[in-house]
Amino acid sequence: MVPMALGKDYATQECSIARALEVVGERWTLLVIRDALYGVRRYNDFLVHLGIPRAVLSARLKALTEEGILEKRRYQEAPPRDEYVITERGTELWPAMRALAVWGRDHLTDRRLRYFRHAACDTELGSYGECPACGTLVPVADVVVTPGPGLDPDPADPVSRALLKPKRLLEPLETDPA
């Protein structure tokens, strides 16, 4: 039997999941989106936190910008520097990202790395992103990510260090390079 080559797209699939995978189905892409939800905006912060090759990161940021998931914004003129801000279209991926995080936690690890909490009452979100205390579905802007006991308490990169403190999703992440 001759092995069949894996295609580069899902053009023959009549399926909205296949269409979505065309945009976000590459492994680095989901991690870039995750970091953007955490508030990572600067190229170098994505680079060092993900450990991603420069060419791959540049290609993913360009593709996500072209798809309207990220928006490229100039934050410094001399020398010119841009940041990548997640858009409303990008934040609509939060339920899928949250579901993947919960599934991975429940089935692939025994360590609690991060908790997602409702900013209004500090209750950990339920399985579907709902607040058990308030009885509401919590929008991404009202979610706080907090470190769990499974995280490295002394990480090497500045993004991981910044995420050792509770932080509201979508707000810019302030990193300390030291």
C-alpha atoms as a PDB file:
ATOM      1  CA  MET A   1       0.000   0.000   0.000  1.00  0.00           C
ATOM      2  CA  VAL A   2       1.346   3.415  -0.990  1.00  0.00           C
ATOM      3  CA  PRO A   3       1.025   6.013   1.816  1.00  0.00           C
ATOM      4  CA  MET A   4      -1.142   8.964   0.895  1.00  0.00           C
ATOM      5  CA  ALA A   5       0.490  12.374   1.196  1.00  0.00           C
ATOM      6  CA  LEU A   6      -1.164  14.723   3.632  1.00  0.00           C
ATOM      7  CA  GLY A   7      -2.604  17.679   1.772  1.00  0.00           C
ATOM      8  CA  LYS A   8      -1.724  21.258   2.595  1.00  0.00           C
ATOM      9  CA  ASP A   9      -5.328  22.378   2.937  1.00  0.00           C
ATOM     10  CA  TYR A  10      -8.868  21.118   3.399  1.00  0.00           C
ATOM     11  CA  ALA A  11     -10.241  22.342   0.078  1.00  0.00           C
ATOM     12  CA  THR A  12     -12.316  19.216  -0.491  1.00  0.00           C
ATOM     13  CA  GLN A  13     -13.911  19.305   2.950  1.00  0.00           C
ATOM     14  CA  GLU A  14     -17.396  20.801   3.219  1.00  0.00           C
ATOM     15  CA  CYS A  15     -17.097  21.552   6.905  1.00  0.00           C
ATOM     16  CA  SER A  16     -16.791  24.682   9.034  1.00  0.00           C
ATOM     17  CA  ILE A  17     -14.225  22.946  11.264  1.00  0.00           C
ATOM     18  CA  ALA A  18     -12.058  22.336   8.198  1.00  0.00           C
ATOM     19  CA  ARG A  19     -12.401  26.009   7.204  1.00  0.00           C
ATOM     20  CA  ALA A  20     -11.371  27.072  10.717  1.00  0.00           C
ATOM     21  CA  LEU A  21      -8.390  24.719  10.630  1.00  0.00           C
ATOM     22  CA  GLU A  22      -7.211  26.478   7.467  1.00  0.00           C
ATOM     23  CA  VAL A  23      -6.680  29.543   9.671  1.00  0.00           C
ATOM     24  CA  VAL A  24      -5.798  28.224  13.141  1.00  0.00           C
ATOM     25  CA  GLY A  25      -4.914  24.557  12.650  1.00  0.00           C
ATOM     26  CA  GLU A  26      -1.136  24.834  12.656  1.00  0.00           C
ATOM     27  CA  ARG A  27       0.371  24.076  16.088  1.00  0.00           C
ATOM     28  CA  TRP A  28       2.282  27.326  16.553  1.00  0.00           C
ATOM     29  CA  THR A  29      -0.761  29.382  15.553  1.00  0.00           C
ATOM     30  CA  LEU A  30      -2.818  28.266  18.537  1.00  0.00           C
ATOM     31  CA  LEU A  31       0.053  29.072  20.891  1.00  0.00           C
ATOM     32  CA  VAL A  32       0.439  32.561  19.400  1.00  0.00           C
ATOM     33  CA  ILE A  33      -3.309  33.105  19.909  1.00  0.00           C
ATOM     34  CA  ARG A  34      -3.057  31.804  23.485  1.00  0.00           C
ATOM     35  CA  ASP A  35      -0.265  34.255  24.236  1.00  0.00           C
ATOM     36  CA  ALA A  36      -2.199  37.109  22.590  1.00  0.00           C
ATOM     37  CA  LEU A  37      -5.153  36.309  24.872  1.00  0.00           C
ATOM     38  CA  TYR A  38      -2.724  36.464  27.822  1.00  0.00           C
ATOM     39  CA  GLY A  39      -1.819  39.981  26.668  1.00  0.00           C
ATOM     40  CA  VAL A  40       1.469  39.277  24.876  1.00  0.00           C
ATOM     41  CA  ARG A  41       1.822  41.873  22.128  1.00  0.00           C
ATOM     42  CA  ARG A  42       5.468  42.281  21.217  1.00  0.00           C
ATOM     43  CA  TYR A  43       7.369  40.150  18.743  1.00  0.00           C
ATOM     44  CA  ASN A  44      10.272  39.424  21.079  1.00  0.00           C
ATOM     45  CA  ASP A  45       7.935  38.376  23.901  1.00  0.00           C
ATOM     46  CA  PHE A  46       6.210  35.867  21.588  1.00  0.00           C
ATOM     47  CA  LEU A  47       9.625  34.713  20.388  1.00  0.00           C
ATOM     48  CA  VAL A  48      11.214  34.008  23.771  1.00  0.00           C
ATOM     49  CA  HIS A  49       8.091  32.650  25.446  1.00  0.00           C
ATOM     50  CA  LEU A  50       7.240  30.215  22.671  1.00  0.00           C
ATOM     51  CA  GLY A  51      10.777  29.259  21.655  1.00  0.00           C
ATOM     52  CA  ILE A  52       9.542  29.465  18.074  1.00  0.00           C
ATOM     53  CA  PRO A  53      11.839  29.965  15.057  1.00  0.00           C
ATOM     54  CA  ARG A  54      11.826  33.602  13.861  1.00  0.00           C
ATOM     55  CA  ALA A  55      10.689  32.752  10.349  1.00  0.00           C
ATOM     56  CA  VAL A  56       7.779  30.684  11.672  1.00  0.00           C
ATOM     57  CA  LEU A  57       6.720  33.415  14.112  1.00  0.00           C
ATOM     58  CA  SER A  58       6.873  36.082  11.399  1.00  0.00           C
ATOM     59  CA  ALA A  59       4.764  33.920   9.084  1.00  0.00           C
ATOM     60  CA  ARG A  60       2.185  33.178  11.807  1.00  0.00           C
ATOM     61  CA  LEU A  61       1.882  36.824  12.873  1.00  0.00           C
ATOM     62  CA  LYS A  62       1.484  37.871   9.237  1.00  0.00           C
ATOM     63  CA  ALA A  63      -1.189  35.221   8.588  1.00  0.00           C
ATOM     64  CA  LEU A  64      -3.108  36.049  11.784  1.00  0.00           C
ATOM     65  CA  THR A  65      -2.993  39.745  10.888  1.00  0.00           C
ATOM     66  CA  GLU A  66      -4.232  39.041   7.362  1.00  0.00           C
ATOM     67  CA  GLU A  67      -7.100  36.975   8.812  1.00  0.00           C
ATOM     68  CA  GLY A  68      -8.100  39.785  11.179  1.00  0.00           C
ATOM     69  CA  ILE A  69      -7.300  37.795  14.324  1.00  0.00           C
ATOM     70  CA  LEU A  70      -4.470  40.131  15.279  1.00  0.00           C
ATOM     71  CA  GLU A  71      -3.988  43.802  14.441  1.00  0.00           C
ATOM     72  CA  LYS A  72      -0.513  45.202  13.891  1.00  0.00           C
ATOM     73  CA  ARG A  73      -0.072  48.559  15.674  1.00  0.00           C
ATOM     74  CA  ARG A  74       2.914  50.884  15.765  1.00  0.00           C
ATOM     75  CA  TYR A  75       3.965  51.636  19.331  1.00  0.00           C
ATOM     76  CA  GLN A  76       7.318  53.334  18.609  1.00  0.00           C
ATOM     77  CA  GLU A  77       8.493  55.446  15.674  1.00  0.00           C
ATOM     78  CA  ALA A  78      12.272  55.581  16.156  1.00  0.00           C
ATOM     79  CA  PRO A  79      13.224  52.891  15.551  1.00  0.00           C
ATOM     80  CA  PRO A  80       9.879  51.692  14.170  1.00  0.00           C
ATOM     81  CA  ARG A  81       8.381  48.958  16.330  1.00  0.00           C
ATOM     82  CA  ASP A  82       5.004  47.287  16.118  1.00  0.00           C
ATOM     83  CA  GLU A  83       2.914  45.196  18.455  1.00  0.00           C
ATOM     84  CA  TYR A  84       0.215  42.640  17.725  1.00  0.00           C
ATOM     85  CA  VAL A  85      -3.108  43.175  19.461  1.00  0.00           C
ATOM     86  CA  ILE A  86      -5.806  40.540  19.457  1.00  0.00           C
ATOM     87  CA  THR A  87      -8.989  41.705  17.723  1.00  0.00           C
ATOM     88  CA  GLU A  88     -12.625  40.984  18.487  1.00  0.00           C
ATOM     89  CA  ARG A  89     -12.480  38.242  15.880  1.00  0.00           C
ATOM     90  CA  GLY A  90      -9.516  36.783  17.749  1.00  0.00           C
ATOM     91  CA  THR A  91     -11.186  36.971  21.153  1.00  0.00           C
ATOM     92  CA  GLU A  92     -14.068  34.935  19.727  1.00  0.00           C
ATOM     93  CA  LEU A  93     -11.612  32.015  19.763  1.00  0.00           C
ATOM     94  CA  TRP A  94     -11.518  32.128  23.596  1.00  0.00           C
ATOM     95  CA  PRO A  95     -14.169  29.418  24.142  1.00  0.00           C
ATOM     96  CA  ALA A  96     -12.263  27.005  21.876  1.00  0.00           C
ATOM     97  CA  MET A  97      -8.932  27.858  23.515  1.00  0.00           C
ATOM     98  CA  ARG A  98     -10.435  27.443  26.988  1.00  0.00           C
ATOM     99  CA  ALA A  99     -11.944  24.082  25.992  1.00  0.00           C
ATOM    100  CA  LEU A 100      -8.552  22.865  24.729  1.00  0.00           C
ATOM    101  CA  ALA A 101      -6.888  24.023  27.958  1.00  0.00           C
ATOM    102  CA  VAL A 102      -9.442  22.205  30.120  1.00  0.00           C
ATOM    103  CA  TRP A 103      -9.283  19.061  27.992  1.00  0.00           C
ATOM    104  CA  GLY A 104      -5.465  19.055  28.124  1.00  0.00           C
ATOM    105  CA  ARG A 105      -5.486  19.593  31.881  1.00  0.00           C
ATOM    106  CA  ASP A 106      -8.048  16.857  32.500  1.00  0.00           C
ATOM    107  CA  HIS A 107      -6.629  14.225  30.146  1.00  0.00           C
ATOM    108  CA  LEU A 108      -2.939  14.886  29.532  1.00  0.00           C
ATOM    109  CA  THR A 109      -1.384  16.166  32.760  1.00  0.00           C
ATOM    110  CA  ASP A 110      -1.753  15.796  36.477  1.00  0.00           C
ATOM    111  CA  ARG A 111      -0.443  19.291  37.208  1.00  0.00           C
ATOM    112  CA  ARG A 112      -2.554  22.416  37.575  1.00  0.00           C
ATOM    113  CA  LEU A 113      -0.655  25.024  35.571  1.00  0.00           C
ATOM    114  CA  ARG A 114      -3.143  27.887  35.433  1.00  0.00           C
ATOM    115  CA  TYR A 115      -6.593  28.715  36.713  1.00  0.00           C
ATOM    116  CA  PHE A 116      -9.134  30.878  34.954  1.00  0.00           C
ATOM    117  CA  ARG A 117     -11.242  32.914  37.369  1.00  0.00           C
ATOM    118  CA  HIS A 118     -14.131  35.348  37.147  1.00  0.00           C
ATOM    119  CA  ALA A 119     -12.687  38.801  37.861  1.00  0.00           C
ATOM    120  CA  ALA A 120     -15.876  39.956  39.617  1.00  0.00           C
ATOM    121  CA  CYS A 121     -15.937  37.267  42.317  1.00  0.00           C
ATOM    122  CA  ASP A 122     -12.641  35.319  42.004  1.00  0.00           C
ATOM    123  CA  THR A 123     -14.477  32.027  41.393  1.00  0.00           C
ATOM    124  CA  GLU A 124     -12.779  29.463  39.157  1.00  0.00           C
ATOM    125  CA  LEU A 125     -14.654  29.123  35.871  1.00  0.00           C
ATOM    126  CA  GLY A 126     -16.649  25.990  35.212  1.00  0.00           C
ATOM    127  CA  SER A 127     -16.088  23.569  32.342  1.00  0.00           C
ATOM    128  CA  TYR A 128     -17.854  25.764  29.789  1.00  0.00           C
ATOM    129  CA  GLY A 129     -16.468  29.136  30.881  1.00  0.00           C
ATOM    130  CA  GLU A 130     -19.351  29.833  33.237  1.00  0.00           C
ATOM    131  CA  CYS A 131     -19.056  31.265  36.745  1.00  0.00           C
ATOM    132  CA  PRO A 132     -20.586  28.747  39.173  1.00  0.00           C
ATOM    133  CA  ALA A 133     -21.085  31.468  41.809  1.00  0.00           C
ATOM    134  CA  CYS A 134     -22.731  34.072  39.554  1.00  0.00           C
ATOM    135  CA  GLY A 135     -24.406  31.690  37.126  1.00  0.00           C
ATOM    136  CA  THR A 136     -23.215  33.630  34.074  1.00  0.00           C
ATOM    137  CA  LEU A 137     -21.063  32.870  31.052  1.00  0.00           C
ATOM    138  CA  VAL A 138     -17.955  34.980  31.673  1.00  0.00           C
ATOM    139  CA  PRO A 139     -16.700  37.094  28.746  1.00  0.00           C
ATOM    140  CA  VAL A 140     -12.974  36.843  28.013  1.00  0.00           C
ATOM    141  CA  ALA A 141     -12.335  40.423  29.209  1.00  0.00           C
ATOM    142  CA  ASP A 142     -13.665  39.421  32.656  1.00  0.00           C
ATOM    143  CA  VAL A 143     -11.364  36.418  33.055  1.00  0.00           C
ATOM    144  CA  VAL A 144      -8.285  36.469  35.276  1.00  0.00           C
ATOM    145  CA  VAL A 145      -5.554  33.900  34.695  1.00  0.00           C
ATOM    146  CA  THR A 146      -3.767  32.867  37.885  1.00  0.00           C
ATOM    147  CA  PRO A 147      -0.784  30.576  38.361  1.00  0.00           C
ATOM    148  CA  GLY A 148      -1.313  27.046  39.551  1.00  0.00           C
ATOM    149  CA  PRO A 149       0.981  24.910  41.695  1.00  0.00           C
ATOM    150  CA  GLY A 150       2.334  23.060  38.638  1.00  0.00           C
ATOM    151  CA  LEU A 151       4.129  26.092  37.172  1.00  0.00           C
ATOM    152  CA  ASP A 152       7.877  26.551  37.436  1.00  0.00           C
ATOM    153  CA  PRO A 153       8.308  29.156  40.222  1.00  0.00           C
ATOM    154  CA  ASP A 154      11.464  30.560  38.595  1.00  0.00           C
ATOM    155  CA  PRO A 155      11.003  30.528  34.807  1.00  0.00           C
ATOM    156  CA  ALA A 156      13.701  31.823  32.476  1.00  0.00           C
ATOM    157  CA  ASP A 157      11.622  33.949  30.103  1.00  0.00           C
ATOM    158  CA  PRO A 158       9.969  37.288  30.965  1.00  0.00           C
ATOM    159  CA  VAL A 159       6.474  36.283  29.802  1.00  0.00           C
ATOM    160  CA  SER A 160       6.400  33.245  32.074  1.00  0.00           C
ATOM    161  CA  ARG A 161       7.689  35.391  34.964  1.00  0.00           C
ATOM    162  CA  ALA A 162       4.943  37.976  34.357  1.00  0.00           C
ATOM    163  CA  LEU A 163       2.326  35.193  34.314  1.00  0.00           C
ATOM    164  CA  LEU A 164       3.323  34.146  37.829  1.00  0.00           C
ATOM    165  CA  LYS A 165       1.003  36.914  39.030  1.00  0.00           C
ATOM    166  CA  PRO A 166      -2.767  37.003  38.478  1.00  0.00           C
ATOM    167  CA  LYS A 167      -3.597  38.888  35.292  1.00  0.00           C
ATOM    168  CA  ARG A 168      -6.753  39.808  33.447  1.00  0.00           C
ATOM    169  CA  LEU A 169      -6.864  38.360  29.937  1.00  0.00           C
ATOM    170  CA  LEU A 170      -6.503  40.758  26.974  1.00  0.00           C
ATOM    171  CA  GLU A 171      -4.772  43.461  29.046  1.00  0.00           C
ATOM    172  CA  PRO A 172      -1.224  44.170  27.811  1.00  0.00           C
ATOM    173  CA  LEU A 173       1.323  41.991  29.546  1.00  0.00           C
ATOM    174  CA  GLU A 174       4.144  43.955  31.143  1.00  0.00           C
ATOM    175  CA  THR A 175       7.362  41.994  31.044  1.00  0.00           C
ATOM    176  CA  ASP A 176      10.518  42.519  33.014  1.00  0.00           C
ATOM    177  CA  PRO A 177      13.521  41.513  30.885  1.00  0.00           C
ATOM    178  CA  ALA A 178      15.696  40.620  33.901  1.00  0.00           C
END
